[in-house]
Amino acid sequence: MRTYELVLIIQPDLDEEGLNAIVERVQGVLTDNGGELVKTEHMGHRKLAYPIRKRTEGHYVLIHAQLERPAILELERQIKLSEDVLRHLLVRLDEIA
């Protein structure tokens, strides 16, 4: 398995309960498809550099996980279906190091 870093920007108007539900759903997709969570960090509510879907702020969440290809494909599919996720970025860490 390879280590990946996932950054999510989630809609700013969600309450804490809604935010946690989205993060848990993403974590569930990762673990259900053979992935292993290493760390999840809520980076907080921040201002965006440019508007995304007419939003100027968002909740940032950072997830480190060890994933295989099937988990990545299902994760991408689920994130694209979710309207609450404004942007995401998945980066393989062993390429950087």
Protein backbone atom coordinates (compact mmCIF):
# COMPACT_ATOMS: atom_id res chain seq x y z
CA MET A 1 0.00 0.00 0.00
CA ARG A 2 1.08 3.55 -0.67
CA THR A 3 0.60 6.57 1.55
CA TYR A 4 -1.64 9.35 0.25
CA GLU A 5 -2.63 12.78 1.50
CA LEU A 6 -6.19 13.95 0.84
CA VAL A 7 -7.24 17.57 1.33
CA LEU A 8 -10.95 18.37 1.24
CA ILE A 9 -12.55 21.81 1.09
CA ILE A 10 -16.09 21.45 2.39
CA GLN A 11 -18.99 23.94 2.21
CA PRO A 12 -18.70 26.65 4.88
CA ASP A 13 -22.37 26.75 5.86
CA LEU A 14 -22.40 23.21 7.32
CA ASP A 15 -22.61 22.83 11.08
CA GLU A 16 -20.16 20.66 13.05
CA GLU A 17 -22.47 17.66 12.82
CA GLY A 18 -22.76 17.87 9.02
CA LEU A 19 -19.00 18.36 8.65
CA ASN A 20 -18.27 15.31 10.79
CA ALA A 21 -20.79 13.25 8.79
CA ILE A 22 -18.99 14.05 5.53
CA VAL A 23 -15.56 13.25 7.01
CA GLU A 24 -16.86 9.97 8.45
CA ARG A 25 -18.40 9.05 5.10
CA VAL A 26 -15.06 9.66 3.33
CA GLN A 27 -13.21 7.66 5.98
CA GLY A 28 -15.75 4.86 5.61
CA VAL A 29 -15.20 4.72 1.86
CA LEU A 30 -11.45 4.46 2.44
CA THR A 31 -11.61 1.69 5.04
CA ASP A 32 -14.39 -0.28 3.29
CA ASN A 33 -12.24 -0.55 0.16
CA GLY A 34 -9.11 -1.86 1.87
CA GLY A 35 -7.52 1.45 2.90
CA GLU A 36 -5.99 2.22 6.26
CA LEU A 37 -6.39 5.63 7.93
CA VAL A 38 -3.22 7.11 9.39
CA LYS A 39 -4.35 10.56 10.53
CA THR A 40 -7.29 12.96 10.15
CA GLU A 41 -6.88 16.64 10.93
CA HIS A 42 -9.54 19.35 10.84
CA MET A 43 -7.64 22.43 9.69
CA GLY A 44 -10.54 24.76 10.37
CA HIS A 45 -12.64 27.35 8.59
CA ARG A 46 -10.53 29.41 6.16
CA LYS A 47 -10.90 32.02 3.47
CA LEU A 48 -10.41 30.72 -0.08
CA ALA A 49 -7.89 32.29 -2.47
CA TYR A 50 -10.63 32.60 -5.10
CA PRO A 51 -14.38 31.91 -5.14
CA ILE A 52 -15.49 28.34 -5.74
CA ARG A 53 -19.17 27.93 -6.64
CA LYS A 54 -19.80 31.47 -5.33
CA ARG A 55 -18.27 30.56 -1.94
CA THR A 56 -15.36 32.54 -0.47
CA GLU A 57 -14.75 30.35 2.61
CA GLY A 58 -14.58 26.65 3.39
CA HIS A 59 -13.78 24.00 5.97
CA TYR A 60 -10.42 22.33 5.33
CA VAL A 61 -9.84 18.69 6.29
CA LEU A 62 -6.54 16.79 5.86
CA ILE A 63 -6.51 12.98 5.77
CA HIS A 64 -3.43 10.75 5.56
CA ALA A 65 -4.17 7.17 4.51
CA GLN A 66 -2.59 4.11 3.01
CA LEU A 67 -4.57 3.14 -0.08
CA GLU A 68 -4.77 0.71 -2.96
CA ARG A 69 -6.13 1.53 -6.40
CA PRO A 70 -9.76 0.32 -5.78
CA ALA A 71 -10.08 2.61 -2.74
CA ILE A 72 -8.83 5.58 -4.76
CA LEU A 73 -11.31 4.97 -7.58
CA GLU A 74 -14.26 4.64 -5.20
CA LEU A 75 -13.14 7.70 -3.23
CA GLU A 76 -12.97 9.84 -6.38
CA ARG A 77 -16.43 8.62 -7.40
CA GLN A 78 -17.99 9.37 -4.02
CA ILE A 79 -16.40 12.83 -3.77
CA LYS A 80 -17.64 13.80 -7.23
CA LEU A 81 -21.18 12.80 -6.21
CA SER A 82 -21.10 14.92 -3.05
CA GLU A 83 -22.23 18.52 -3.49
CA ASP A 84 -20.84 19.47 -0.07
CA VAL A 85 -17.21 18.97 -1.15
CA LEU A 86 -16.10 22.09 -3.05
CA ARG A 87 -12.61 20.82 -3.99
CA HIS A 88 -10.31 17.92 -3.19
CA LEU A 89 -6.72 16.99 -3.87
CA LEU A 90 -5.22 13.52 -3.51
CA VAL A 91 -1.41 13.31 -3.58
CA ARG A 92 0.82 10.26 -3.24
CA LEU A 93 3.39 11.09 -0.57
CA ASP A 94 6.16 8.65 -1.52
CA GLU A 95 6.54 10.50 -4.84
CA ILE A 96 7.38 13.72 -3.00
CA ALA A 97 9.83 12.26 -0.47
